[in-house]
PDB file of N, CA and C in Angstrom:
ATOM      1  N   MET A   1     143.801  42.957 191.113  1.00  0.00           N
ATOM      2  CA  MET A   1     143.735  41.757 191.923  1.00  0.00           C
ATOM      3  C   MET A   1     143.905  42.129 193.390  1.00  0.00           C
ATOM      4  N   ASN A   2     143.133  41.510 194.201  1.00  0.00           N
ATOM      5  CA  ASN A   2     143.299  41.599 195.650  1.00  0.00           C
ATOM      6  C   ASN A   2     143.738  40.230 196.136  1.00  0.00           C
ATOM      7  N   CYS A   3     144.967  40.164 196.639  1.00  0.00           N
ATOM      8  CA  CYS A   3     145.523  38.910 197.135  1.00  0.00           C
ATOM      9  C   CYS A   3     146.072  39.142 198.536  1.00  0.00           C
ATOM     10  N   PRO A   4     145.969  38.161 199.407  1.00  0.00           N
ATOM     11  CA  PRO A   4     146.552  38.301 200.739  1.00  0.00           C
ATOM     12  C   PRO A   4     148.053  38.600 200.647  1.00  0.00           C
ATOM     13  N   ASP A   5     148.513  39.491 201.521  1.00  0.00           N
ATOM     14  CA  ASP A   5     149.926  39.872 201.555  1.00  0.00           C
ATOM     15  C   ASP A   5     150.708  38.804 202.308  1.00  0.00           C
ATOM     16  N   ILE A   6     151.493  38.056 201.580  1.00  0.00           N
ATOM     17  CA  ILE A   6     152.266  36.969 202.177  1.00  0.00           C
ATOM     18  C   ILE A   6     153.497  37.512 202.890  1.00  0.00           C
ATOM     19  N   ALA A   7     154.132  38.517 202.316  1.00  0.00           N
ATOM     20  CA  ALA A   7     155.375  39.054 202.886  1.00  0.00           C
ATOM     21  C   ALA A   7     155.184  39.498 204.335  1.00  0.00           C
ATOM     22  N   SER A   8     154.040  40.089 204.644  1.00  0.00           N
ATOM     23  CA  SER A   8     153.803  40.571 206.008  1.00  0.00           C
ATOM     24  C   SER A   8     153.573  39.426 206.994  1.00  0.00           C
ATOM     25  N   ARG A   9     153.322  38.232 206.487  1.00  0.00           N
ATOM     26  CA  ARG A   9     153.055  37.076 207.352  1.00  0.00           C
ATOM     27  C   ARG A   9     154.274  36.185 207.546  1.00  0.00           C
ATOM     28  N   VAL A  10     155.347  36.492 206.823  1.00  0.00           N
ATOM     29  CA  VAL A  10     156.567  35.691 206.917  1.00  0.00           C
ATOM     30  C   VAL A  10     157.485  36.351 207.935  1.00  0.00           C
ATOM     31  N   SER A  11     157.791  35.619 208.989  1.00  0.00           N
ATOM     32  CA  SER A  11     158.675  36.165 210.018  1.00  0.00           C
ATOM     33  C   SER A  11     159.697  35.112 210.419  1.00  0.00           C
ATOM     34  N   ALA A  12     160.731  35.558 211.052  1.00  0.00           N
ATOM     35  CA  ALA A  12     161.781  34.667 211.562  1.00  0.00           C
ATOM     36  C   ALA A  12     162.303  33.722 210.482  1.00  0.00           C
ATOM     37  N   VAL A  13     162.732  34.308 209.378  1.00  0.00           N
ATOM     38  CA  VAL A  13     163.282  33.505 208.286  1.00  0.00           C
ATOM     39  C   VAL A  13     164.744  33.207 208.593  1.00  0.00           C
ATOM     40  N   PRO A  14     165.122  31.929 208.638  1.00  0.00           N
ATOM     41  CA  PRO A  14     166.528  31.588 208.866  1.00  0.00           C
ATOM     42  C   PRO A  14     167.396  32.175 207.750  1.00  0.00           C
ATOM     43  N   ALA A  15     168.591  32.583 208.099  1.00  0.00           N
ATOM     44  CA  ALA A  15     169.493  33.195 207.121  1.00  0.00           C
ATOM     45  C   ALA A  15     169.689  32.299 205.902  1.00  0.00           C
ATOM     46  N   ALA A  16     169.774  31.003 206.125  1.00  0.00           N
ATOM     47  CA  ALA A  16     169.995  30.065 205.024  1.00  0.00           C
ATOM     48  C   ALA A  16     168.810  30.013 204.060  1.00  0.00           C
ATOM     49  N   ALA A  17     167.640  30.421 204.511  1.00  0.00           N
ATOM     50  CA  ALA A  17     166.438  30.356 203.678  1.00  0.00           C
ATOM     51  C   ALA A  17     166.054  31.707 203.089  1.00  0.00           C
ATOM     52  N   GLN A  18     166.739  32.765 203.491  1.00  0.00           N
ATOM     53  CA  GLN A  18     166.341  34.120 203.100  1.00  0.00           C
ATOM     54  C   GLN A  18     166.276  34.310 201.580  1.00  0.00           C
ATOM     55  N   ALA A  19     167.281  33.848 200.856  1.00  0.00           N
ATOM     56  CA  ALA A  19     167.293  34.028 199.398  1.00  0.00           C
ATOM     57  C   ALA A  19     166.124  33.296 198.743  1.00  0.00           C
ATOM     58  N   GLU A  20     165.851  32.080 199.188  1.00  0.00           N
ATOM     59  CA  GLU A  20     164.737  31.299 198.629  1.00  0.00           C
ATOM     60  C   GLU A  20     163.402  31.971 198.936  1.00  0.00           C
ATOM     61  N   VAL A  21     163.238  32.456 200.152  1.00  0.00           N
ATOM     62  CA  VAL A  21     161.997  33.133 200.532  1.00  0.00           C
ATOM     63  C   VAL A  21     161.827  34.405 199.705  1.00  0.00           C
ATOM     64  N   ASN A  22     162.885  35.201 199.587  1.00  0.00           N
ATOM     65  CA  ASN A  22     162.795  36.438 198.808  1.00  0.00           C
ATOM     66  C   ASN A  22     162.465  36.156 197.343  1.00  0.00           C
ATOM     67  N   ARG A  23     163.076  35.110 196.790  1.00  0.00           N
ATOM     68  CA  ARG A  23     162.809  34.748 195.394  1.00  0.00           C
ATOM     69  C   ARG A  23     161.330  34.397 195.211  1.00  0.00           C
ATOM     70  N   ASN A  24     160.784  33.642 196.135  1.00  0.00           N
ATOM     71  CA  ASN A  24     159.381  33.241 196.034  1.00  0.00           C
ATOM     72  C   ASN A  24     158.427  34.394 196.316  1.00  0.00           C
ATOM     73  N   LEU A  25     158.786  35.302 197.213  1.00  0.00           N
ATOM     74  CA  LEU A  25     157.955  36.488 197.433  1.00  0.00           C
ATOM     75  C   LEU A  25     157.913  37.336 196.164  1.00  0.00           C
ATOM     76  N   GLY A  26     159.048  37.458 195.497  1.00  0.00           N
ATOM     77  CA  GLY A  26     159.081  38.173 194.223  1.00  0.00           C
ATOM     78  C   GLY A  26     158.232  37.482 193.173  1.00  0.00           C
ATOM     79  N   LEU A  27     158.256  36.166 193.183  1.00  0.00           N
ATOM     80  CA  LEU A  27     157.455  35.390 192.241  1.00  0.00           C
ATOM     81  C   LEU A  27     155.962  35.611 192.481  1.00  0.00           C
ATOM     82  N   LEU A  28     155.558  35.744 193.732  1.00  0.00           N
ATOM     83  CA  LEU A  28     154.151  36.026 194.034  1.00  0.00           C
ATOM     84  C   LEU A  28     153.722  37.347 193.399  1.00  0.00           C
ATOM     85  N   LYS A  29     154.588  38.361 193.476  1.00  0.00           N
ATOM     86  CA  LYS A  29     154.271  39.660 192.862  1.00  0.00           C
ATOM     87  C   LYS A  29     154.159  39.522 191.350  1.00  0.00           C
ATOM     88  N   THR A  30     155.078  38.787 190.750  1.00  0.00           N
ATOM     89  CA  THR A  30     155.052  38.575 189.305  1.00  0.00           C
ATOM     90  C   THR A  30     153.784  37.844 188.885  1.00  0.00           C
ATOM     91  N   GLN A  31     153.370  36.868 189.669  1.00  0.00           N
ATOM     92  CA  GLN A  31     152.147  36.118 189.360  1.00  0.00           C
ATOM     93  C   GLN A  31     150.928  37.040 189.345  1.00  0.00           C
ATOM     94  N   ILE A  32     150.863  37.969 190.289  1.00  0.00           N
ATOM     95  CA  ILE A  32     149.746  38.917 190.344  1.00  0.00           C
ATOM     96  C   ILE A  32     149.791  39.850 189.139  1.00  0.00           C
ATOM     97  N   GLU A  33     150.984  40.343 188.804  1.00  0.00           N
ATOM     98  CA  GLU A  33     151.124  41.219 187.637  1.00  0.00           C
ATOM     99  C   GLU A  33     150.676  40.501 186.366  1.00  0.00           C
ATOM    100  N   ASP A  34     151.090  39.257 186.207  1.00  0.00           N
ATOM    101  CA  ASP A  34     150.698  38.475 185.028  1.00  0.00           C
ATOM    102  C   ASP A  34     149.184  38.262 184.987  1.00  0.00           C
ATOM    103  N   ALA A  35     148.590  37.988 186.135  1.00  0.00           N
ATOM    104  CA  ALA A  35     147.137  37.788 186.190  1.00  0.00           C
ATOM    105  C   ALA A  35     146.405  39.083 185.844  1.00  0.00           C
ATOM    106  N   ASN A  36     146.924  40.215 186.310  1.00  0.00           N
ATOM    107  CA  ASN A  36     146.317  41.501 185.964  1.00  0.00           C
ATOM    108  C   ASN A  36     146.369  41.739 184.458  1.00  0.00           C
ATOM    109  N   LYS A  37     147.476  41.382 183.824  1.00  0.00           N
ATOM    110  CA  LYS A  37     147.595  41.533 182.367  1.00  0.00           C
ATOM    111  C   LYS A  37     146.599  40.623 181.651  1.00  0.00           C
ATOM    112  N   ARG A  38     146.500  39.364 182.107  1.00  0.00           N
ATOM    113  CA  ARG A  38     145.542  38.436 181.497  1.00  0.00           C
ATOM    114  C   ARG A  38     144.116  38.957 181.651  1.00  0.00           C
ATOM    115  N   LEU A  39     143.829  39.514 182.811  1.00  0.00           N
ATOM    116  CA  LEU A  39     142.498  40.049 183.067  1.00  0.00           C
ATOM    117  C   LEU A  39     142.199  41.221 182.133  1.00  0.00           C
ATOM    118  N   ALA A  40     143.155  42.119 181.975  1.00  0.00           N
ATOM    119  CA  ALA A  40     142.962  43.267 181.088  1.00  0.00           C
ATOM    120  C   ALA A  40     142.776  42.821 179.641  1.00  0.00           C
ATOM    121  N   ASN A  41     143.538  41.834 179.220  1.00  0.00           N
ATOM    122  CA  ASN A  41     143.446  41.342 177.843  1.00  0.00           C
ATOM    123  C   ASN A  41     142.180  40.530 177.599  1.00  0.00           C
ATOM    124  N   ALA A  42     141.562  40.038 178.655  1.00  0.00           N
ATOM    125  CA  ALA A  42     140.392  39.175 178.527  1.00  0.00           C
ATOM    126  C   ALA A  42     139.076  39.933 178.647  1.00  0.00           C
ATOM    127  N   ALA A  43     139.149  41.246 178.772  1.00  0.00           N
ATOM    128  CA  ALA A  43     137.933  42.038 178.958  1.00  0.00           C
ATOM    129  C   ALA A  43     136.917  41.724 177.863  1.00  0.00           C
ATOM    130  N   GLY A  44     135.717  41.376 178.275  1.00  0.00           N
ATOM    131  CA  GLY A  44     134.637  41.097 177.346  1.00  0.00           C
ATOM    132  C   GLY A  44     134.623  39.695 176.763  1.00  0.00           C
ATOM    133  N   GLN A  45     135.558  38.861 177.144  1.00  0.00           N
ATOM    134  CA  GLN A  45     135.621  37.499 176.608  1.00  0.00           C
ATOM    135  C   GLN A  45     134.900  36.516 177.527  1.00  0.00           C
ATOM    136  N   GLY A  46     134.451  35.436 176.953  1.00  0.00           N
ATOM    137  CA  GLY A  46     133.918  34.319 177.729  1.00  0.00           C
ATOM    138  C   GLY A  46     132.612  34.607 178.425  1.00  0.00           C
ATOM    139  N   GLY A  47     132.167  33.592 179.149  1.00  0.00           N
ATOM    140  CA  GLY A  47     130.909  33.684 179.868  1.00  0.00           C
ATOM    141  C   GLY A  47     131.109  34.109 181.309  1.00  0.00           C
ATOM    142  N   ALA A  48     130.124  33.765 182.112  1.00  0.00           N
ATOM    143  CA  ALA A  48     130.091  34.198 183.505  1.00  0.00           C
ATOM    144  C   ALA A  48     131.273  33.687 184.324  1.00  0.00           C
ATOM    145  N   ASN A  49     131.768  32.509 184.013  1.00  0.00           N
ATOM    146  CA  ASN A  49     132.852  31.922 184.799  1.00  0.00           C
ATOM    147  C   ASN A  49     134.225  32.102 184.167  1.00  0.00           C
ATOM    148  N   PHE A  50     134.309  32.892 183.103  1.00  0.00           N
ATOM    149  CA  PHE A  50     135.568  33.021 182.373  1.00  0.00           C
ATOM    150  C   PHE A  50     136.700  33.531 183.260  1.00  0.00           C
ATOM    151  N   VAL A  51     136.463  34.605 183.992  1.00  0.00           N
ATOM    152  CA  VAL A  51     137.522  35.180 184.834  1.00  0.00           C
ATOM    153  C   VAL A  51     137.954  34.174 185.892  1.00  0.00           C
ATOM    154  N   GLN A  52     136.999  33.502 186.492  1.00  0.00           N
ATOM    155  CA  GLN A  52     137.323  32.497 187.511  1.00  0.00           C
ATOM    156  C   GLN A  52     138.178  31.381 186.922  1.00  0.00           C
ATOM    157  N   ASN A  53     137.756  30.859 185.781  1.00  0.00           N
ATOM    158  CA  ASN A  53     138.434  29.712 185.180  1.00  0.00           C
ATOM    159  C   ASN A  53     139.732  30.065 184.468  1.00  0.00           C
ATOM    160  N   ALA A  54     139.792  31.226 183.840  1.00  0.00           N
ATOM    161  CA  ALA A  54     140.955  31.580 183.026  1.00  0.00           C
ATOM    162  C   ALA A  54     141.999  32.393 183.772  1.00  0.00           C
ATOM    163  N   VAL A  55     141.602  33.060 184.852  1.00  0.00           N
ATOM    164  CA  VAL A  55     142.547  33.933 185.554  1.00  0.00           C
ATOM    165  C   VAL A  55     142.707  33.532 187.022  1.00  0.00           C
ATOM    166  N   LEU A  56     141.615  33.514 187.763  1.00  0.00           N
ATOM    167  CA  LEU A  56     141.720  33.314 189.213  1.00  0.00           C
ATOM    168  C   LEU A  56     142.158  31.905 189.609  1.00  0.00           C
ATOM    169  N   ASN A  57     141.583  30.881 189.006  1.00  0.00           N
ATOM    170  CA  ASN A  57     141.982  29.511 189.375  1.00  0.00           C
ATOM    171  C   ASN A  57     143.443  29.217 189.048  1.00  0.00           C
ATOM    172  N   PRO A  58     143.933  29.579 187.838  1.00  0.00           N
ATOM    173  CA  PRO A  58     145.360  29.353 187.572  1.00  0.00           C
ATOM    174  C   PRO A  58     146.267  30.151 188.511  1.00  0.00           C
ATOM    175  N   LEU A  59     145.857  31.375 188.850  1.00  0.00           N
ATOM    176  CA  LEU A  59     146.646  32.182 189.781  1.00  0.00           C
ATOM    177  C   LEU A  59     146.703  31.505 191.144  1.00  0.00           C
ATOM    178  N   LYS A  60     145.568  31.004 191.613  1.00  0.00           N
ATOM    179  CA  LYS A  60     145.544  30.323 192.909  1.00  0.00           C
ATOM    180  C   LYS A  60     146.465  29.111 192.904  1.00  0.00           C
ATOM    181  N   ASP A  61     146.421  28.320 191.841  1.00  0.00           N
ATOM    182  CA  ASP A  61     147.288  27.136 191.754  1.00  0.00           C
ATOM    183  C   ASP A  61     148.763  27.518 191.843  1.00  0.00           C
ATOM    184  N   LYS A  62     149.141  28.577 191.143  1.00  0.00           N
ATOM    185  CA  LYS A  62     150.535  29.033 191.177  1.00  0.00           C
ATOM    186  C   LYS A  62     150.905  29.532 192.569  1.00  0.00           C
ATOM    187  N   ARG A  63     149.996  30.288 193.189  1.00  0.00           N
ATOM    188  CA  ARG A  63     150.273  30.832 194.520  1.00  0.00           C
ATOM    189  C   ARG A  63     150.381  29.722 195.563  1.00  0.00           C
ATOM    190  N   VAL A  64     149.551  28.683 195.461  1.00  0.00           N
ATOM    191  CA  VAL A  64     149.640  27.553 196.396  1.00  0.00           C
ATOM    192  C   VAL A  64     151.033  26.940 196.334  1.00  0.00           C
ATOM    193  N   ALA A  65     151.515  26.684 195.130  1.00  0.00           N
ATOM    194  CA  ALA A  65     152.842  26.077 194.975  1.00  0.00           C
ATOM    195  C   ALA A  65     153.934  26.988 195.528  1.00  0.00           C
ATOM    196  N   THR A  66     153.827  28.279 195.273  1.00  0.00           N
ATOM    197  CA  THR A  66     154.841  29.229 195.738  1.00  0.00           C
ATOM    198  C   THR A  66     154.809  29.366 197.255  1.00  0.00           C
ATOM    199  N   ILE A  67     153.627  29.457 197.826  1.00  0.00           N
ATOM    200  CA  ILE A  67     153.500  29.560 199.286  1.00  0.00           C
ATOM    201  C   ILE A  67     154.022  28.291 199.947  1.00  0.00           C
ATOM    202  N   ASP A  68     153.727  27.139 199.368  1.00  0.00           N
ATOM    203  CA  ASP A  68     154.265  25.881 199.905  1.00  0.00           C
ATOM    204  C   ASP A  68     155.791  25.904 199.927  1.00  0.00           C
ATOM    205  N   ARG A  69     156.405  26.440 198.866  1.00  0.00           N
ATOM    206  CA  ARG A  69     157.873  26.519 198.831  1.00  0.00           C
ATOM    207  C   ARG A  69     158.403  27.447 199.923  1.00  0.00           C
ATOM    208  N   ILE A  70     157.703  28.538 200.181  1.00  0.00           N
ATOM    209  CA  ILE A  70     158.120  29.458 201.246  1.00  0.00           C
ATOM    210  C   ILE A  70     158.033  28.759 202.594  1.00  0.00           C
ATOM    211  N   VAL A  71     156.922  28.089 202.843  1.00  0.00           N
ATOM    212  CA  VAL A  71     156.729  27.379 204.119  1.00  0.00           C
ATOM    213  C   VAL A  71     157.824  26.342 204.318  1.00  0.00           C
ATOM    214  N   LYS A  72     158.116  25.571 203.279  1.00  0.00           N
ATOM    215  CA  LYS A  72     159.162  24.547 203.381  1.00  0.00           C
ATOM    216  C   LYS A  72     160.534  25.170 203.594  1.00  0.00           C
ATOM    217  N   ALA A  73     160.798  26.295 202.941  1.00  0.00           N
ATOM    218  CA  ALA A  73     162.107  26.948 203.065  1.00  0.00           C
ATOM    219  C   ALA A  73     162.378  27.397 204.495  1.00  0.00           C
ATOM    220  N   ILE A  74     161.336  27.841 205.188  1.00  0.00           N
ATOM    221  CA  ILE A  74     161.546  28.307 206.563  1.00  0.00           C
ATOM    222  C   ILE A  74     161.367  27.181 207.575  1.00  0.00           C
ATOM    223  N   GLY A  75     161.131  25.973 207.066  1.00  0.00           N
ATOM    224  CA  GLY A  75     161.056  24.816 207.946  1.00  0.00           C
ATOM    225  C   GLY A  75     159.747  24.680 208.674  1.00  0.00           C
ATOM    226  N   GLY A  76     158.713  25.291 208.135  1.00  0.00           N
ATOM    227  CA  GLY A  76     157.418  25.224 208.800  1.00  0.00           C
ATOM    228  C   GLY A  76     156.470  24.266 208.115  1.00  0.00           C
ATOM    229  N   THR A  77     155.283  24.210 208.669  1.00  0.00           N
ATOM    230  CA  THR A  77     154.207  23.436 208.063  1.00  0.00           C
ATOM    231  C   THR A  77     152.962  24.311 208.066  1.00  0.00           C
ATOM    232  N   ALA A  78     152.109  24.086 207.111  1.00  0.00           N
ATOM    233  CA  ALA A  78     150.857  24.837 207.049  1.00  0.00           C
ATOM    234  C   ALA A  78     149.763  23.903 206.564  1.00  0.00           C
ATOM    235  N   ALA A  79     148.608  24.038 207.172  1.00  0.00           N
ATOM    236  CA  ALA A  79     147.461  23.236 206.754  1.00  0.00           C
ATOM    237  C   ALA A  79     147.009  23.679 205.369  1.00  0.00           C
ATOM    238  N   LYS A  80     146.472  22.750 204.598  1.00  0.00           N
ATOM    239  CA  LYS A  80     145.998  23.055 203.251  1.00  0.00           C
ATOM    240  C   LYS A  80     144.998  24.206 203.275  1.00  0.00           C
ATOM    241  N   GLN A  81     144.138  24.253 204.281  1.00  0.00           N
ATOM    242  CA  GLN A  81     143.146  25.321 204.382  1.00  0.00           C
ATOM    243  C   GLN A  81     143.821  26.681 204.520  1.00  0.00           C
ATOM    244  N   GLN A  82     144.894  26.740 205.313  1.00  0.00           N
ATOM    245  CA  GLN A  82     145.608  28.002 205.493  1.00  0.00           C
ATOM    246  C   GLN A  82     146.238  28.453 204.187  1.00  0.00           C
ATOM    247  N   VAL A  83     146.893  27.529 203.505  1.00  0.00           N
ATOM    248  CA  VAL A  83     147.547  27.861 202.240  1.00  0.00           C
ATOM    249  C   VAL A  83     146.503  28.284 201.214  1.00  0.00           C
ATOM    250  N   ASP A  84     145.395  27.563 201.121  1.00  0.00           N
ATOM    251  CA  ASP A  84     144.336  27.917 200.175  1.00  0.00           C
ATOM    252  C   ASP A  84     143.804  29.320 200.448  1.00  0.00           C
ATOM    253  N   ALA A  85     143.602  29.654 201.718  1.00  0.00           N
ATOM    254  CA  ALA A  85     143.099  30.980 202.069  1.00  0.00           C
ATOM    255  C   ALA A  85     144.086  32.067 201.660  1.00  0.00           C
ATOM    256  N   LEU A  86     145.377  31.810 201.854  1.00  0.00           N
ATOM    257  CA  LEU A  86     146.395  32.792 201.488  1.00  0.00           C
ATOM    258  C   LEU A  86     146.598  32.870 199.980  1.00  0.00           C
ATOM    259  N   ALA A  87     146.256  31.827 199.269  1.00  0.00           N
ATOM    260  CA  ALA A  87     146.471  31.781 197.823  1.00  0.00           C
ATOM    261  C   ALA A  87     145.301  32.352 197.030  1.00  0.00           C
ATOM    262  N   THR A  88     144.150  32.484 197.658  1.00  0.00           N
ATOM    263  CA  THR A  88     142.950  32.908 196.955  1.00  0.00           C
ATOM    264  C   THR A  88     142.925  34.421 196.768  1.00  0.00           C
ATOM    265  N   CYS A  89     142.733  34.836 195.528  1.00  0.00           N
ATOM    266  CA  CYS A  89     142.670  36.256 195.183  1.00  0.00           C
ATOM    267  C   CYS A  89     141.283  36.582 194.635  1.00  0.00           C
ATOM    268  N   THR A  90     140.949  37.850 194.654  1.00  0.00           N
ATOM    269  CA  THR A  90     139.693  38.322 194.081  1.00  0.00           C
ATOM    270  C   THR A  90     140.005  39.432 193.082  1.00  0.00           C
ATOM    271  N   VAL A  91     139.027  39.742 192.259  1.00  0.00           N
ATOM    272  CA  VAL A  91     139.183  40.787 191.251  1.00  0.00           C
ATOM    273  C   VAL A  91     138.681  42.101 191.825  1.00  0.00           C
ATOM    274  N   ASN A  92     139.446  43.172 191.594  1.00  0.00           N
ATOM    275  CA  ASN A  92     138.986  44.511 191.973  1.00  0.00           C
ATOM    276  C   ASN A  92     137.767  44.847 191.126  1.00  0.00           C
ATOM    277  N   ARG A  93     136.763  45.363 191.734  1.00  0.00           N
ATOM    278  CA  ARG A  93     135.537  45.720 190.991  1.00  0.00           C
ATOM    279  C   ARG A  93     135.448  47.205 190.811  1.00  0.00           C
TER     280      ARG A  93
END
């Protein structure tokens, strides 16, 4: 999976939010690992849109929610387009 690096984009985290931000950054890594496992287990299954529908779209949905929690924890706001761009992953070819 190729996913935008969220950790490198998070700066100036208030001390009170650090634990929540770290927990969610860890969750982003876990989500990618889980998607990689699903992708490996799904090799040869489904049609042309199988990977998109079974792996990438669910991963994006999870990442959107996690990124939103990070943004809220640091007291910021982000446009839906920004969050969607950061949440979208691609498959290594």
